[in-house]
Amino acid sequence: MASKIRVVGISKHYDVGRKAMRTLDDVGLDVGAGEFVTLVGPSGCGKSTLFSILAGLTAPDPGGELFIDGKRRALDHLLGGVAFMPQRDMLFPWRTVLDNAILAAEIDGVPRRVARERATRSLDRFELRGFAAHYPGQLSGGMRQRVALLRTFMFERDIMLLDEPFGALDALTRALMQRWLLEVWEANRRTVLFITHDIDEAIFLGDRVVVMSARPGRIKFDAAVPLPRPRSTGMVTQPDFVALKRQLLGIIEEESLKTFEAMNQPLATDA
C-alpha cells in the first residue's frame, strides 16, 4: 500500500512559566492511502495535539518532517491541506443543516449555489433527507454529528482527521454511527485518522490501531486489525477481536498508570 502520510520525528513542547511541558516526543507514523487508522492512548498523551499539527493549527518543534504522497510538506504551511473534525460538532446555531454542511466548502472558495447542490445530493447518504432546513437545536446528538461529518466530507481533501467524533453520544447511538461511518467511508475510501478512547470502537473501525504512550506522547504500539471488511457487530465477540482488545487494554492500563504517577511530578526545566 502506497504511503499517504508519513510523520517523522515530530515533537512539541509548551512553555509553562519558566518550565517546559513536553507533549509529543519524536513521533513517527506511516498511514497508507485509503487506510483507516485509529489512535488510542491515555488522556493527555498528545493525540489531539498531533492532529492540530497535521491540520496546520499548531506549529511543532523544529526538526520534524511530514510527507504526503511521498512529497515533503513544510510544517508551517499545512493549513487547509486536510479535512479536520474536532471533538465538538461546532455547528452554528443560526445556520440550517444545509448551510452548516457547506461552511467549509464555502471557505474553500466553492460558490454557495454549487456547494448547496453538492450537499443536497449527499443528504440521503448522511441520513439527513428532510432535515435540510432544520437548525442544530432541533437535532439529536447523532444527527448533529452527521451534519458535522457531512461538512468535513464536503471539504474535499484526501485526508480526514476525526477527533473523537462520537465521544459525547450514548452507547446505542454511538454503535449506529460507527456502522454508518464505515458505510460512508467504504464509498470513497479517503485516508482517515480517528482518535478515540473506546478500545472496541478503535478495533471495530480501524485497519490498524495505534497506541500512544503517556506524555510525552510517542508511538507505543501499532497493530493491524485481523478482521475482514465489511465489519459487523458480531465481530466483537470473535477470538481475534477479543485477543487484540485484551492486548490493547494492557498497554493502555500501563500507560495510564504512568500518566497518574506523572501528575505528582514537577515539570522538566528547560535546559
Protein backbone atom coordinates (compact mmCIF):
# COMPACT_ATOMS: atom_id res chain seq x y z
CA MET A 1 0.00 0.00 0.00
CA ALA A 2 1.38 3.41 -1.01
CA SER A 3 2.11 5.79 1.85
CA LYS A 4 -0.30 8.71 2.09
CA ILE A 5 1.03 10.27 5.28
CA ARG A 6 4.48 9.83 6.76
CA VAL A 7 5.30 11.59 10.01
CA VAL A 8 8.98 11.66 11.01
CA GLY A 9 10.30 12.89 14.34
CA ILE A 10 7.55 15.34 15.26
CA SER A 11 7.82 16.77 18.78
CA LYS A 12 6.02 19.51 20.67
CA HIS A 13 6.58 21.28 23.95
CA TYR A 14 4.78 24.14 25.65
CA ASP A 15 6.39 26.71 27.89
CA VAL A 16 4.67 26.89 31.26
CA GLY A 17 6.24 29.80 33.05
CA ARG A 18 9.96 29.05 33.14
CA LYS A 19 9.44 25.35 32.60
CA ALA A 20 8.73 23.18 29.57
CA MET A 21 5.98 20.62 29.22
CA ARG A 22 6.74 18.06 26.51
CA THR A 23 3.54 16.87 24.85
CA LEU A 24 4.94 14.91 21.89
CA ASP A 25 8.38 13.36 21.54
CA ASP A 26 9.81 12.09 18.25
CA VAL A 27 6.52 10.78 16.85
CA GLY A 28 6.81 8.67 13.70
CA LEU A 29 3.85 7.25 11.83
CA ASP A 30 3.02 5.90 8.36
CA VAL A 31 -0.54 5.77 7.03
CA GLY A 32 -1.35 4.16 3.70
CA ALA A 33 -3.59 5.67 1.04
CA GLY A 34 -7.23 4.85 1.80
CA GLU A 35 -6.34 3.37 5.18
CA PHE A 36 -8.49 3.85 8.30
CA VAL A 37 -6.16 4.18 11.29
CA THR A 38 -7.43 4.63 14.84
CA LEU A 39 -5.39 6.30 17.60
CA VAL A 40 -5.81 5.49 21.27
CA GLY A 41 -3.84 6.38 24.37
CA PRO A 42 -4.18 7.76 27.90
CA SER A 43 -5.63 11.22 28.43
CA GLY A 44 -3.11 13.98 27.86
CA CYS A 45 -0.77 11.89 25.69
CA GLY A 46 -0.85 14.36 22.78
CA LYS A 47 -3.30 12.75 20.35
CA SER A 48 -5.24 15.96 19.75
CA THR A 49 -2.00 17.96 19.63
CA LEU A 50 -0.74 15.69 16.85
CA PHE A 51 -3.98 16.28 14.92
CA SER A 52 -3.68 20.02 15.46
CA ILE A 53 -0.17 19.91 13.97
CA LEU A 54 -1.28 17.82 10.99
CA ALA A 55 -4.16 20.23 10.40
CA GLY A 56 -1.78 23.21 10.41
CA LEU A 57 -3.32 24.76 13.53
CA THR A 58 -0.30 24.25 15.80
CA ALA A 59 3.39 24.60 15.00
CA PRO A 60 5.58 21.65 16.10
CA ASP A 61 9.07 21.97 17.48
CA PRO A 62 11.82 22.36 14.87
CA GLY A 63 13.23 19.21 13.32
CA GLY A 64 10.20 17.10 12.44
CA GLU A 65 9.15 16.21 8.90
CA LEU A 66 5.89 15.37 7.17
CA PHE A 67 5.49 13.67 3.81
CA ILE A 68 2.18 13.48 1.92
CA ASP A 69 2.06 11.25 -1.15
CA GLY A 70 5.83 10.91 -0.82
CA LYS A 71 6.44 14.67 -1.03
CA ARG A 72 7.85 16.63 1.86
CA ARG A 73 5.46 19.26 3.20
CA ALA A 74 6.50 22.34 5.13
CA LEU A 75 5.06 22.01 8.62
CA ASP A 76 4.23 25.72 8.73
CA HIS A 77 2.17 25.59 5.52
CA LEU A 78 -0.34 22.82 6.29
CA LEU A 79 -3.48 24.83 6.99
CA GLY A 80 -6.30 23.74 4.69
CA GLY A 81 -4.47 20.64 3.49
CA VAL A 82 -6.63 18.14 5.37
CA ALA A 83 -10.26 17.87 6.47
CA PHE A 84 -10.40 18.11 10.26
CA MET A 85 -13.35 17.42 12.56
CA PRO A 86 -12.69 18.35 16.21
CA GLN A 87 -14.31 16.71 19.23
CA ARG A 88 -17.30 19.08 19.32
CA ASP A 89 -19.56 19.37 16.28
CA MET A 90 -19.08 23.18 16.20
CA LEU A 91 -22.34 23.77 14.32
CA PHE A 92 -23.52 27.37 14.10
CA PRO A 93 -26.97 27.56 15.73
CA TRP A 94 -28.16 30.30 13.35
CA ARG A 95 -27.40 28.26 10.22
CA THR A 96 -29.57 25.45 8.91
CA VAL A 97 -28.36 21.90 8.43
CA LEU A 98 -27.65 22.62 4.77
CA ASP A 99 -25.85 25.88 5.46
CA ASN A 100 -23.76 24.33 8.25
CA ALA A 101 -22.83 21.48 5.90
CA ILE A 102 -21.49 23.80 3.21
CA LEU A 103 -19.50 26.10 5.51
CA ALA A 104 -16.08 24.51 4.93
CA ALA A 105 -16.69 24.29 1.18
CA GLU A 106 -17.65 27.98 1.11
CA ILE A 107 -14.47 28.91 2.95
CA ASP A 108 -12.59 26.79 0.40
CA GLY A 109 -13.96 29.02 -2.36
CA VAL A 110 -16.77 26.83 -3.69
CA PRO A 111 -19.67 29.06 -4.89
CA ARG A 112 -22.57 28.90 -2.45
CA ARG A 113 -25.04 27.62 -5.06
CA VAL A 114 -22.68 24.83 -6.14
CA ALA A 115 -21.92 23.87 -2.54
CA ARG A 116 -25.63 23.70 -1.68
CA GLU A 117 -26.30 21.48 -4.69
CA ARG A 118 -23.48 19.10 -3.69
CA ALA A 119 -24.64 18.97 -0.08
CA THR A 120 -28.25 18.37 -1.11
CA ARG A 121 -27.18 15.37 -3.19
CA SER A 122 -25.41 13.94 -0.11
CA LEU A 123 -28.28 14.30 2.36
CA ASP A 124 -29.55 10.77 1.72
CA ARG A 125 -26.13 9.19 2.20
CA PHE A 126 -25.75 11.04 5.52
CA GLU A 127 -29.32 10.15 6.55
CA LEU A 128 -30.36 13.80 6.67
CA ARG A 129 -33.05 13.85 3.98
CA GLY A 130 -35.91 16.06 5.16
CA PHE A 131 -33.76 17.97 7.65
CA ALA A 132 -32.01 20.45 5.34
CA ALA A 133 -33.97 23.42 6.71
CA HIS A 134 -33.71 22.39 10.37
CA TYR A 135 -31.44 24.16 12.85
CA PRO A 136 -28.92 22.41 15.14
CA GLY A 137 -31.10 22.96 18.20
CA GLN A 138 -33.78 20.81 16.57
CA LEU A 139 -31.47 17.80 16.04
CA SER A 140 -30.43 14.81 18.14
CA GLY A 141 -26.79 14.31 19.05
CA GLY A 142 -26.30 11.67 16.36
CA MET A 143 -27.84 13.88 13.69
CA ARG A 144 -25.63 16.81 14.71
CA GLN A 145 -22.59 14.55 14.29
CA ARG A 146 -23.76 13.50 10.83
CA VAL A 147 -24.07 17.17 9.85
CA ALA A 148 -20.55 17.82 11.13
CA LEU A 149 -19.25 14.81 9.21
CA LEU A 150 -21.04 15.94 6.06
CA ARG A 151 -19.34 19.32 6.45
CA THR A 152 -15.99 17.54 6.84
CA PHE A 153 -16.60 15.39 3.74
CA MET A 154 -17.70 18.49 1.81
CA PHE A 155 -14.21 19.92 2.44
CA GLU A 156 -12.84 17.71 -0.31
CA ARG A 157 -9.46 16.51 0.93
CA ASP A 158 -7.95 13.05 0.61
CA ILE A 159 -7.01 13.04 4.32
CA MET A 160 -9.54 13.24 7.13
CA LEU A 161 -8.72 13.76 10.82
CA LEU A 162 -11.60 12.83 13.11
CA ASP A 163 -11.01 13.65 16.79
CA GLU A 164 -13.42 11.60 18.93
CA PRO A 165 -16.45 12.45 16.80
CA PHE A 166 -18.72 10.05 18.72
CA GLY A 167 -17.33 10.62 22.21
CA ALA A 168 -20.38 12.50 23.52
CA LEU A 169 -23.00 10.05 22.20
CA ASP A 170 -24.84 7.37 24.14
CA ALA A 171 -23.78 3.76 23.56
CA LEU A 172 -26.62 2.82 21.19
CA THR A 173 -26.30 5.95 19.04
CA ARG A 174 -22.55 5.52 19.01
CA ALA A 175 -22.82 1.95 17.70
CA LEU A 176 -25.20 3.06 14.96
CA MET A 177 -22.89 5.92 13.99
CA GLN A 178 -19.90 3.59 13.79
CA ARG A 179 -21.62 1.30 11.32
CA TRP A 180 -22.90 4.26 9.33
CA LEU A 181 -19.44 5.87 9.18
CA LEU A 182 -17.90 2.67 7.81
CA GLU A 183 -20.54 2.57 5.07
CA VAL A 184 -19.78 6.17 4.10
CA TRP A 185 -16.01 5.54 4.22
CA GLU A 186 -16.31 2.39 2.10
CA ALA A 187 -17.98 4.51 -0.60
CA ASN A 188 -15.00 6.85 -1.07
CA ARG A 189 -12.01 5.31 0.80
CA ARG A 190 -10.40 8.53 1.91
CA THR A 191 -7.45 8.22 4.27
CA VAL A 192 -8.74 8.54 7.85
CA LEU A 193 -7.01 9.09 11.18
CA PHE A 194 -9.52 8.65 14.00
CA ILE A 195 -8.95 9.41 17.70
CA THR A 196 -10.98 7.51 20.28
CA HIS A 197 -10.81 6.45 23.93
CA ASP A 198 -13.04 3.45 23.21
CA ILE A 199 -11.00 0.31 22.54
CA ASP A 200 -13.93 -1.54 20.95
CA GLU A 201 -14.50 1.40 18.62
CA ALA A 202 -10.82 1.55 17.69
CA ILE A 203 -10.77 -2.12 16.70
CA PHE A 204 -14.17 -2.16 15.01
CA LEU A 205 -13.41 0.83 12.78
CA GLY A 206 -9.71 0.57 12.06
CA ASP A 207 -7.46 -1.21 9.61
CA ARG A 208 -4.81 -0.57 12.25
CA VAL A 209 -4.84 0.56 15.87
CA VAL A 210 -2.00 2.82 17.01
CA VAL A 211 -1.39 3.33 20.73
CA MET A 212 0.36 6.43 22.03
CA SER A 213 2.35 6.40 25.24
CA ALA A 214 1.82 8.56 28.29
CA ARG A 215 3.05 12.14 27.93
CA PRO A 216 5.28 12.94 26.21
CA GLY A 217 3.40 11.03 23.53
CA ARG A 218 5.27 8.53 21.38
CA ILE A 219 4.06 5.65 19.25
CA LYS A 220 3.99 2.78 21.72
CA PHE A 221 2.24 0.08 19.69
CA ASP A 222 0.95 -0.36 16.15
CA ALA A 223 -1.10 -3.40 15.16
CA ALA A 224 -3.13 -4.45 12.14
CA VAL A 225 -6.73 -5.39 12.93
CA PRO A 226 -7.19 -9.06 11.87
CA LEU A 227 -10.83 -8.66 10.81
CA PRO A 228 -12.22 -8.66 7.27
CA ARG A 229 -14.33 -5.88 5.80
CA PRO A 230 -17.16 -5.10 5.75
CA ARG A 231 -17.41 -5.19 9.53
CA SER A 232 -20.41 -6.45 11.51
CA THR A 233 -21.31 -6.07 15.17
CA GLY A 234 -20.97 -9.82 15.68
CA MET A 235 -17.22 -9.50 15.20
CA VAL A 236 -16.77 -8.01 18.68
CA THR A 237 -17.08 -11.49 20.17
CA GLN A 238 -14.69 -13.20 17.77
CA PRO A 239 -11.44 -14.55 19.30
CA ASP A 240 -9.20 -12.27 17.19
CA PHE A 241 -11.16 -9.19 18.33
CA VAL A 242 -11.08 -10.22 21.98
CA ALA A 243 -7.37 -11.07 21.90
CA LEU A 244 -6.43 -7.70 20.39
CA LYS A 245 -8.69 -5.90 22.85
CA ARG A 246 -7.01 -7.65 25.78
CA GLN A 247 -3.58 -6.69 24.46
CA LEU A 248 -4.58 -3.06 23.91
CA LEU A 249 -6.20 -2.76 27.34
CA GLY A 250 -2.99 -4.00 28.96
CA ILE A 251 -0.89 -1.41 27.15
CA ILE A 252 -3.34 1.43 27.85
CA GLU A 253 -3.53 0.49 31.54
CA GLU A 254 0.26 0.54 31.78
CA GLU A 255 0.49 3.95 30.12
CA SER A 256 -2.41 5.38 32.12
CA LEU A 257 -0.61 4.40 35.33
CA LYS A 258 2.43 6.36 34.12
CA THR A 259 0.17 9.36 33.50
CA PHE A 260 -1.24 9.10 37.02
CA GLU A 261 2.24 8.88 38.55
CA ALA A 262 3.45 11.84 36.48
CA MET A 263 0.68 14.07 37.80
CA ASN A 264 2.60 14.46 41.05
CA GLN A 265 5.94 15.07 39.37
CA PRO A 266 7.29 18.59 38.65
CA LEU A 267 7.60 19.72 35.04
CA ALA A 268 11.05 19.44 33.48
CA THR A 269 13.05 22.64 33.49
CA ASP A 270 14.28 23.93 30.13
CA ALA A 271 17.99 23.32 29.63
